[in-house]
Structures are given as structure tokens and as C-alpha cells.
PDB file of N, CA and C in Angstrom:
ATOM      1  N   UNK A   1      80.376 172.233 -20.211  1.00  0.00           N
ATOM      2  CA  UNK A   1      80.634 172.716 -18.907  1.00  0.00           C
ATOM      3  C   UNK A   1      79.668 172.708 -17.949  1.00  0.00           C
ATOM      4  N   UNK A   2      79.851 171.919 -17.154  1.00  0.00           N
ATOM      5  CA  UNK A   2      78.620 171.713 -16.102  1.00  0.00           C
ATOM      6  C   UNK A   2      78.825 172.683 -15.008  1.00  0.00           C
ATOM      7  N   UNK A   3      77.573 173.295 -14.614  1.00  0.00           N
ATOM      8  CA  UNK A   3      77.558 174.324 -13.796  1.00  0.00           C
ATOM      9  C   UNK A   3      77.292 173.539 -12.117  1.00  0.00           C
ATOM     10  N   UNK A   4      78.081 173.604 -11.422  1.00  0.00           N
ATOM     11  CA  UNK A   4      77.948 173.205  -9.876  1.00  0.00           C
ATOM     12  C   UNK A   4      77.448 174.146  -8.707  1.00  0.00           C
ATOM     13  N   UNK A   5      76.447 174.074  -8.296  1.00  0.00           N
ATOM     14  CA  UNK A   5      75.614 174.834  -7.557  1.00  0.00           C
ATOM     15  C   UNK A   5      75.874 174.311  -6.069  1.00  0.00           C
ATOM     16  N   UNK A   6      76.322 175.162  -5.155  1.00  0.00           N
ATOM     17  CA  UNK A   6      76.414 175.000  -3.635  1.00  0.00           C
ATOM     18  C   UNK A   6      75.276 175.656  -3.093  1.00  0.00           C
ATOM     19  N   UNK A   7      75.027 175.006  -1.774  1.00  0.00           N
ATOM     20  CA  UNK A   7      73.513 175.219  -0.994  1.00  0.00           C
ATOM     21  C   UNK A   7      73.376 176.587  -0.953  1.00  0.00           C
ATOM     22  N   UNK A   8      74.444 177.568  -0.718  1.00  0.00           N
ATOM     23  CA  UNK A   8      74.042 178.916  -0.777  1.00  0.00           C
ATOM     24  C   UNK A   8      73.742 179.577  -1.971  1.00  0.00           C
ATOM     25  N   UNK A   9      74.367 179.029  -3.381  1.00  0.00           N
ATOM     26  CA  UNK A   9      73.588 179.285  -4.538  1.00  0.00           C
ATOM     27  C   UNK A   9      72.081 179.096  -4.757  1.00  0.00           C
ATOM     28  N   UNK A  10      71.760 177.973  -4.063  1.00  0.00           N
ATOM     29  CA  UNK A  10      70.448 177.713  -4.193  1.00  0.00           C
ATOM     30  C   UNK A  10      69.512 178.847  -3.355  1.00  0.00           C
ATOM     31  N   UNK A  11      70.017 178.989  -2.244  1.00  0.00           N
ATOM     32  CA  UNK A  11      69.418 180.079  -1.349  1.00  0.00           C
ATOM     33  C   UNK A  11      69.328 181.216  -1.969  1.00  0.00           C
ATOM     34  N   UNK A  12      70.386 181.734  -2.653  1.00  0.00           N
ATOM     35  CA  UNK A  12      70.319 182.893  -3.425  1.00  0.00           C
ATOM     36  C   UNK A  12      69.256 182.944  -4.610  1.00  0.00           C
ATOM     37  N   UNK A  13      69.468 181.934  -5.465  1.00  0.00           N
ATOM     38  CA  UNK A  13      68.255 181.688  -6.482  1.00  0.00           C
ATOM     39  C   UNK A  13      67.022 181.931  -5.795  1.00  0.00           C
ATOM     40  N   UNK A  14      66.613 181.173  -4.720  1.00  0.00           N
ATOM     41  CA  UNK A  14      65.330 181.268  -4.132  1.00  0.00           C
ATOM     42  C   UNK A  14      64.852 182.666  -3.715  1.00  0.00           C
ATOM     43  N   UNK A  15      66.010 183.234  -3.236  1.00  0.00           N
ATOM     44  CA  UNK A  15      65.877 184.670  -2.850  1.00  0.00           C
ATOM     45  C   UNK A  15      65.614 185.667  -4.040  1.00  0.00           C
ATOM     46  N   UNK A  16      66.334 185.634  -4.928  1.00  0.00           N
ATOM     47  CA  UNK A  16      65.882 186.180  -6.333  1.00  0.00           C
ATOM     48  C   UNK A  16      64.473 185.823  -6.741  1.00  0.00           C
ATOM     49  N   UNK A  17      64.444 185.003  -6.706  1.00  0.00           N
ATOM     50  CA  UNK A  17      62.700 184.362  -7.209  1.00  0.00           C
ATOM     51  C   UNK A  17      61.681 185.072  -6.342  1.00  0.00           C
ATOM     52  N   UNK A  18      62.032 185.375  -4.902  1.00  0.00           N
ATOM     53  CA  UNK A  18      61.159 185.939  -4.292  1.00  0.00           C
ATOM     54  C   UNK A  18      61.214 187.231  -4.407  1.00  0.00           C
ATOM     55  N   UNK A  19      61.977 187.833  -4.679  1.00  0.00           N
ATOM     56  CA  UNK A  19      62.091 189.353  -4.843  1.00  0.00           C
ATOM     57  C   UNK A  19      61.481 189.883  -6.261  1.00  0.00           C
ATOM     58  N   UNK A  20      61.822 188.881  -7.187  1.00  0.00           N
ATOM     59  CA  UNK A  20      61.007 189.202  -8.543  1.00  0.00           C
ATOM     60  C   UNK A  20      59.477 188.800  -8.178  1.00  0.00           C
ATOM     61  N   UNK A  21      59.150 187.709  -7.745  1.00  0.00           N
ATOM     62  CA  UNK A  21      57.738 187.301  -7.594  1.00  0.00           C
ATOM     63  C   UNK A  21      57.063 188.614  -7.060  1.00  0.00           C
ATOM     64  N   UNK A  22      57.576 189.216  -5.677  1.00  0.00           N
ATOM     65  CA  UNK A  22      57.160 190.437  -5.065  1.00  0.00           C
ATOM     66  C   UNK A  22      56.930 191.671  -5.996  1.00  0.00           C
ATOM     67  N   UNK A  23      57.596 191.933  -6.949  1.00  0.00           N
ATOM     68  CA  UNK A  23      57.723 192.652  -7.930  1.00  0.00           C
ATOM     69  C   UNK A  23      56.507 192.675  -8.880  1.00  0.00           C
ATOM     70  N   UNK A  24      56.531 191.468  -9.303  1.00  0.00           N
ATOM     71  CA  UNK A  24      55.556 191.222 -10.398  1.00  0.00           C
ATOM     72  C   UNK A  24      53.904 191.129  -9.681  1.00  0.00           C
ATOM     73  N   UNK A  25      53.935 190.603  -8.610  1.00  0.00           N
ATOM     74  CA  UNK A  25      52.583 190.810  -7.936  1.00  0.00           C
ATOM     75  C   UNK A  25      52.387 192.223  -7.724  1.00  0.00           C
ATOM     76  N   UNK A  26      53.263 192.881  -7.111  1.00  0.00           N
ATOM     77  CA  UNK A  26      53.216 194.357  -7.036  1.00  0.00           C
ATOM     78  C   UNK A  26      52.257 194.667  -8.300  1.00  0.00           C
ATOM     79  N   UNK A  27      53.122 194.667  -9.615  1.00  0.00           N
ATOM     80  CA  UNK A  27      52.966 195.293 -10.825  1.00  0.00           C
ATOM     81  C   UNK A  27      51.664 194.794 -11.364  1.00  0.00           C
ATOM     82  N   UNK A  28      51.162 193.510 -11.029  1.00  0.00           N
ATOM     83  CA  UNK A  28      50.091 192.847 -11.430  1.00  0.00           C
ATOM     84  C   UNK A  28      48.872 193.183 -10.635  1.00  0.00           C
ATOM     85  N   UNK A  29      49.092 193.918  -9.630  1.00  0.00           N
ATOM     86  CA  UNK A  29      47.778 194.428  -8.790  1.00  0.00           C
ATOM     87  C   UNK A  29      47.441 193.607  -7.796  1.00  0.00           C
ATOM     88  N   UNK A  30      48.385 192.220  -7.589  1.00  0.00           N
ATOM     89  CA  UNK A  30      47.865 191.519  -6.812  1.00  0.00           C
ATOM     90  C   UNK A  30      48.214 191.499  -5.408  1.00  0.00           C
ATOM     91  N   UNK A  31      49.379 192.350  -4.948  1.00  0.00           N
ATOM     92  CA  UNK A  31      49.712 192.953  -3.720  1.00  0.00           C
ATOM     93  C   UNK A  31      49.733 194.458  -3.622  1.00  0.00           C
ATOM     94  N   UNK A  32      49.746 194.706  -2.267  1.00  0.00           N
ATOM     95  CA  UNK A  32      49.807 196.154  -2.099  1.00  0.00           C
ATOM     96  C   UNK A  32      51.398 196.532  -1.590  1.00  0.00           C
ATOM     97  N   UNK A  33      51.719 197.476  -1.997  1.00  0.00           N
ATOM     98  CA  UNK A  33      53.102 197.799  -1.492  1.00  0.00           C
ATOM     99  C   UNK A  33      53.633 197.740  -0.119  1.00  0.00           C
ATOM    100  N   UNK A  34      52.542 197.864   0.667  1.00  0.00           N
ATOM    101  CA  UNK A  34      52.728 198.351   1.963  1.00  0.00           C
ATOM    102  C   UNK A  34      52.220 196.968   2.878  1.00  0.00           C
ATOM    103  N   UNK A  35      51.918 195.909   2.204  1.00  0.00           N
ATOM    104  CA  UNK A  35      51.451 194.956   2.733  1.00  0.00           C
ATOM    105  C   UNK A  35      52.212 194.178   3.224  1.00  0.00           C
ATOM    106  N   UNK A  36      51.948 193.111   4.256  1.00  0.00           N
ATOM    107  CA  UNK A  36      53.089 192.173   5.090  1.00  0.00           C
ATOM    108  C   UNK A  36      53.519 191.223   3.825  1.00  0.00           C
ATOM    109  N   UNK A  37      52.667 190.734   3.167  1.00  0.00           N
ATOM    110  CA  UNK A  37      53.358 189.443   2.294  1.00  0.00           C
ATOM    111  C   UNK A  37      54.489 190.317   1.176  1.00  0.00           C
ATOM    112  N   UNK A  38      54.059 191.439   0.689  1.00  0.00           N
ATOM    113  CA  UNK A  38      54.776 191.967  -0.105  1.00  0.00           C
ATOM    114  C   UNK A  38      56.537 192.359   0.767  1.00  0.00           C
ATOM    115  N   UNK A  39      56.167 192.610   1.890  1.00  0.00           N
ATOM    116  CA  UNK A  39      57.232 193.143   2.545  1.00  0.00           C
ATOM    117  C   UNK A  39      58.413 191.793   3.000  1.00  0.00           C
ATOM    118  N   UNK A  40      57.500 190.781   3.352  1.00  0.00           N
ATOM    119  CA  UNK A  40      58.173 189.539   3.799  1.00  0.00           C
ATOM    120  C   UNK A  40      59.114 188.908   2.784  1.00  0.00           C
ATOM    121  N   UNK A  41      58.336 189.018   1.459  1.00  0.00           N
ATOM    122  CA  UNK A  41      59.001 188.432   0.301  1.00  0.00           C
ATOM    123  C   UNK A  41      60.200 189.174  -0.072  1.00  0.00           C
ATOM    124  N   UNK A  42      60.169 190.530   0.146  1.00  0.00           N
ATOM    125  CA  UNK A  42      61.490 191.388  -0.253  1.00  0.00           C
ATOM    126  C   UNK A  42      62.446 190.801   0.975  1.00  0.00           C
ATOM    127  N   UNK A  43      61.883 190.909   2.344  1.00  0.00           N
ATOM    128  CA  UNK A  43      63.009 190.790   3.295  1.00  0.00           C
ATOM    129  C   UNK A  43      63.851 189.336   3.112  1.00  0.00           C
ATOM    130  N   UNK A  44      62.991 188.150   2.672  1.00  0.00           N
ATOM    131  CA  UNK A  44      63.639 187.023   3.089  1.00  0.00           C
ATOM    132  C   UNK A  44      64.171 186.811   1.526  1.00  0.00           C
ATOM    133  N   UNK A  45      63.655 187.335   0.458  1.00  0.00           N
ATOM    134  CA  UNK A  45      64.456 187.343  -0.768  1.00  0.00           C
ATOM    135  C   UNK A  45      65.833 188.017  -0.638  1.00  0.00           C
ATOM    136  N   UNK A  46      66.079 189.256  -0.360  1.00  0.00           N
ATOM    137  CA  UNK A  46      67.212 190.076  -0.229  1.00  0.00           C
ATOM    138  C   UNK A  46      68.033 189.212   0.821  1.00  0.00           C
ATOM    139  N   UNK A  47      67.503 188.858   1.575  1.00  0.00           N
ATOM    140  CA  UNK A  47      68.274 187.766   2.778  1.00  0.00           C
ATOM    141  C   UNK A  47      68.961 186.704   2.160  1.00  0.00           C
ATOM    142  N   UNK A  48      68.076 185.921   1.233  1.00  0.00           N
ATOM    143  CA  UNK A  48      68.854 184.926   0.410  1.00  0.00           C
ATOM    144  C   UNK A  48      69.876 185.268  -0.496  1.00  0.00           C
ATOM    145  N   UNK A  49      69.705 186.516  -1.054  1.00  0.00           N
ATOM    146  CA  UNK A  49      70.735 186.829  -2.026  1.00  0.00           C
ATOM    147  C   UNK A  49      72.011 187.230  -1.242  1.00  0.00           C
ATOM    148  N   UNK A  50      71.842 187.690   0.227  1.00  0.00           N
ATOM    149  CA  UNK A  50      73.065 187.943   0.826  1.00  0.00           C
ATOM    150  C   UNK A  50      73.574 186.716   1.205  1.00  0.00           C
ATOM    151  N   UNK A  51      73.057 185.798   1.526  1.00  0.00           N
ATOM    152  CA  UNK A  51      73.481 184.421   2.064  1.00  0.00           C
ATOM    153  C   UNK A  51      74.107 183.550   0.619  1.00  0.00           C
ATOM    154  N   UNK A  52      73.999 184.114  -0.729  1.00  0.00           N
ATOM    155  CA  UNK A  52      74.279 183.359  -1.660  1.00  0.00           C
ATOM    156  C   UNK A  52      76.088 184.175  -1.572  1.00  0.00           C
ATOM    157  N   UNK A  53      76.297 185.245  -1.096  1.00  0.00           N
ATOM    158  CA  UNK A  53      77.356 186.145  -1.306  1.00  0.00           C
ATOM    159  C   UNK A  53      78.369 185.113  -0.476  1.00  0.00           C
ATOM    160  N   UNK A  54      78.291 184.317   0.553  1.00  0.00           N
ATOM    161  CA  UNK A  54      79.239 183.383   0.978  1.00  0.00           C
ATOM    162  C   UNK A  54      80.168 182.674  -0.072  1.00  0.00           C
ATOM    163  N   UNK A  55      79.599 182.285  -1.295  1.00  0.00           N
ATOM    164  CA  UNK A  55      80.345 181.664  -2.425  1.00  0.00           C
ATOM    165  C   UNK A  55      81.193 182.664  -2.803  1.00  0.00           C
ATOM    166  N   UNK A  56      81.167 183.647  -3.378  1.00  0.00           N
ATOM    167  CA  UNK A  56      81.851 184.958  -4.009  1.00  0.00           C
ATOM    168  C   UNK A  56      80.851 186.259  -3.498  1.00  0.00           C
ATOM    169  N   UNK A  57      81.833 186.846  -2.725  1.00  0.00           N
ATOM    170  CA  UNK A  57      81.610 188.213  -2.367  1.00  0.00           C
ATOM    171  C   UNK A  57      81.835 189.367  -3.289  1.00  0.00           C
ATOM    172  N   UNK A  58      80.684 190.210  -3.676  1.00  0.00           N
ATOM    173  CA  UNK A  58      80.505 191.305  -4.083  1.00  0.00           C
ATOM    174  C   UNK A  58      79.956 192.311  -3.495  1.00  0.00           C
ATOM    175  N   UNK A  59      80.814 193.473  -3.329  1.00  0.00           N
ATOM    176  CA  UNK A  59      80.295 194.636  -2.426  1.00  0.00           C
ATOM    177  C   UNK A  59      79.330 195.382  -2.633  1.00  0.00           C
ATOM    178  N   UNK A  60      79.191 195.603  -4.244  1.00  0.00           N
ATOM    179  CA  UNK A  60      78.201 196.237  -4.469  1.00  0.00           C
ATOM    180  C   UNK A  60      76.540 195.433  -4.311  1.00  0.00           C
ATOM    181  N   UNK A  61      76.581 194.400  -4.500  1.00  0.00           N
ATOM    182  CA  UNK A  61      75.588 193.279  -4.309  1.00  0.00           C
ATOM    183  C   UNK A  61      75.275 193.547  -2.952  1.00  0.00           C
ATOM    184  N   UNK A  62      76.328 193.340  -2.147  1.00  0.00           N
ATOM    185  CA  UNK A  62      76.265 193.426  -0.510  1.00  0.00           C
ATOM    186  C   UNK A  62      75.403 194.620   0.039  1.00  0.00           C
ATOM    187  N   UNK A  63      75.939 195.669  -0.403  1.00  0.00           N
ATOM    188  CA  UNK A  63      75.420 197.028  -0.148  1.00  0.00           C
ATOM    189  C   UNK A  63      73.798 197.226  -0.749  1.00  0.00           C
ATOM    190  N   UNK A  64      73.344 196.658  -1.755  1.00  0.00           N
ATOM    191  CA  UNK A  64      72.281 196.730  -2.229  1.00  0.00           C
ATOM    192  C   UNK A  64      71.270 195.975  -1.594  1.00  0.00           C
ATOM    193  N   UNK A  65      71.734 194.641  -1.337  1.00  0.00           N
ATOM    194  CA  UNK A  65      70.707 193.741  -0.456  1.00  0.00           C
ATOM    195  C   UNK A  65      70.668 194.200   0.804  1.00  0.00           C
ATOM    196  N   UNK A  66      71.791 194.657   1.575  1.00  0.00           N
ATOM    197  CA  UNK A  66      71.501 194.966   3.059  1.00  0.00           C
ATOM    198  C   UNK A  66      70.565 196.181   3.041  1.00  0.00           C
ATOM    199  N   UNK A  67      70.726 197.066   2.003  1.00  0.00           N
ATOM    200  CA  UNK A  67      69.675 198.074   2.023  1.00  0.00           C
ATOM    201  C   UNK A  67      68.426 197.658   1.860  1.00  0.00           C
ATOM    202  N   UNK A  68      68.034 196.668   1.054  1.00  0.00           N
ATOM    203  CA  UNK A  68      66.876 196.501   0.642  1.00  0.00           C
ATOM    204  C   UNK A  68      66.319 195.819   1.854  1.00  0.00           C
ATOM    205  N   UNK A  69      67.307 195.141   2.564  1.00  0.00           N
ATOM    206  CA  UNK A  69      66.614 194.282   3.902  1.00  0.00           C
ATOM    207  C   UNK A  69      66.398 195.280   4.940  1.00  0.00           C
ATOM    208  N   UNK A  70      66.984 196.253   5.059  1.00  0.00           N
ATOM    209  CA  UNK A  70      66.714 197.228   5.842  1.00  0.00           C
ATOM    210  C   UNK A  70      65.438 197.944   5.510  1.00  0.00           C
ATOM    211  N   UNK A  71      65.256 198.154   4.243  1.00  0.00           N
ATOM    212  CA  UNK A  71      63.834 198.973   3.913  1.00  0.00           C
ATOM    213  C   UNK A  71      62.802 198.030   4.131  1.00  0.00           C
ATOM    214  N   UNK A  72      63.029 196.917   3.863  1.00  0.00           N
ATOM    215  CA  UNK A  72      61.765 195.856   4.175  1.00  0.00           C
ATOM    216  C   UNK A  72      61.434 195.694   5.255  1.00  0.00           C
ATOM    217  N   UNK A  73      62.506 195.900   6.310  1.00  0.00           N
ATOM    218  CA  UNK A  73      62.420 195.545   7.833  1.00  0.00           C
ATOM    219  C   UNK A  73      61.468 196.824   8.375  1.00  0.00           C
ATOM    220  N   UNK A  74      62.258 197.902   7.967  1.00  0.00           N
ATOM    221  CA  UNK A  74      61.586 199.364   8.056  1.00  0.00           C
ATOM    222  C   UNK A  74      59.841 199.384   7.577  1.00  0.00           C
ATOM    223  N   UNK A  75      59.675 198.836   6.669  1.00  0.00           N
ATOM    224  CA  UNK A  75      58.380 198.769   6.254  1.00  0.00           C
ATOM    225  C   UNK A  75      57.337 197.594   7.048  1.00  0.00           C
ATOM    226  N   UNK A  76      58.014 196.813   7.231  1.00  0.00           N
ATOM    227  CA  UNK A  76      57.131 195.869   8.361  1.00  0.00           C
ATOM    228  C   UNK A  76      57.021 196.487   9.661  1.00  0.00           C
ATOM    229  N   UNK A  77      58.077 197.088  10.280  1.00  0.00           N
ATOM    230  CA  UNK A  77      57.732 197.765  11.593  1.00  0.00           C
ATOM    231  C   UNK A  77      56.802 199.010  11.336  1.00  0.00           C
ATOM    232  N   UNK A  78      57.005 199.738  10.403  1.00  0.00           N
ATOM    233  CA  UNK A  78      55.866 200.627  10.131  1.00  0.00           C
ATOM    234  C   UNK A  78      54.351 200.015  10.058  1.00  0.00           C
ATOM    235  N   UNK A  79      54.497 199.152   9.268  1.00  0.00           N
ATOM    236  CA  UNK A  79      53.147 198.607   9.238  1.00  0.00           C
ATOM    237  C   UNK A  79      52.266 197.866  10.179  1.00  0.00           C
ATOM    238  N   UNK A  80      53.253 197.586  11.216  1.00  0.00           N
ATOM    239  CA  UNK A  80      52.972 196.688  12.398  1.00  0.00           C
ATOM    240  C   UNK A  80      52.398 197.950  13.558  1.00  0.00           C
ATOM    241  N   UNK A  81      53.422 199.130  13.438  1.00  0.00           N
ATOM    242  CA  UNK A  81      52.954 199.979  14.178  1.00  0.00           C
ATOM    243  C   UNK A  81      51.525 200.774  14.145  1.00  0.00           C
ATOM    244  N   UNK A  82      51.225 201.323  12.779  1.00  0.00           N
ATOM    245  CA  UNK A  82      50.075 201.609  11.839  1.00  0.00           C
ATOM    246  C   UNK A  82      48.977 200.688  12.251  1.00  0.00           C
ATOM    247  N   UNK A  83      49.043 199.167  12.336  1.00  0.00           N
ATOM    248  CA  UNK A  83      48.227 198.215  12.481  1.00  0.00           C
ATOM    249  C   UNK A  83      47.718 198.371  13.857  1.00  0.00           C
ATOM    250  N   UNK A  84      48.634 198.544  14.613  1.00  0.00           N
ATOM    251  CA  UNK A  84      48.341 198.523  16.116  1.00  0.00           C
ATOM    252  C   UNK A  84      47.972 199.494  16.698  1.00  0.00           C
ATOM    253  N   UNK A  85      48.086 201.001  15.888  1.00  0.00           N
ATOM    254  CA  UNK A  85      47.412 202.385  16.401  1.00  0.00           C
ATOM    255  C   UNK A  85      45.907 202.005  16.019  1.00  0.00           C
ATOM    256  N   UNK A  86      45.648 201.492  14.725  1.00  0.00           N
ATOM    257  CA  UNK A  86      44.334 201.544  14.155  1.00  0.00           C
ATOM    258  C   UNK A  86      43.279 200.267  15.218  1.00  0.00           C
ATOM    259  N   UNK A  87      43.889 199.633  15.796  1.00  0.00           N
ATOM    260  CA  UNK A  87      43.340 198.838  16.550  1.00  0.00           C
ATOM    261  C   UNK A  87      42.670 199.150  17.958  1.00  0.00           C
ATOM    262  N   UNK A  88      43.801 200.036  18.392  1.00  0.00           N
ATOM    263  CA  UNK A  88      43.588 200.832  19.498  1.00  0.00           C
ATOM    264  C   UNK A  88      42.556 202.076  19.699  1.00  0.00           C
ATOM    265  N   UNK A  89      42.408 202.298  18.364  1.00  0.00           N
ATOM    266  CA  UNK A  89      41.154 203.517  18.363  1.00  0.00           C
ATOM    267  C   UNK A  89      39.985 203.342  17.867  1.00  0.00           C
TER     268      UNK A  89
END
């Protein structure tokens, strides 16, 4: 049985790897949970998983990844605001 992967499957695999890499690096003490790299890996990773749903939609995965993207975007905006405040003072 051969597995045929479409382009959106590959995007989803890359997204999954980004989220897993972010979590691993956080656990390994290589990234801060509030850092931009951690937030971007989560944002793009969850976005990649959302793209993969073009092949076969799953509502629970959609809700999880949409929330993951929203939380990551919130973290990025929050971090940028804090950084902006710090440079002004």
C-alpha cells in the first residue's frame, strides 16, 4: 500500500514538525516561551496544520489549530508591545 501525499499534506507535516521543534527546544531550555522564535514556530506550525485540512477536514483539529494560531499571534503582539515599551523608557 503506497501513501500518496498532496502538497497540503507536506505543508501539514512541516507545520507539525515546527510545533514539535518549538516544544522540544522549550523543554530543552534552548528557547524562552515568550520569545519570538518560539511564538513564530507555533504560529507557522499551526497554520501549516490548518492548511493540511484542505485534504480532509477535521473540526476538532481545526478548532485546536485555530486557537493555537490565535494564542501565538497574541503572544507575538504582546511581546512586541512590551519590547516597544521597554525601548521608550
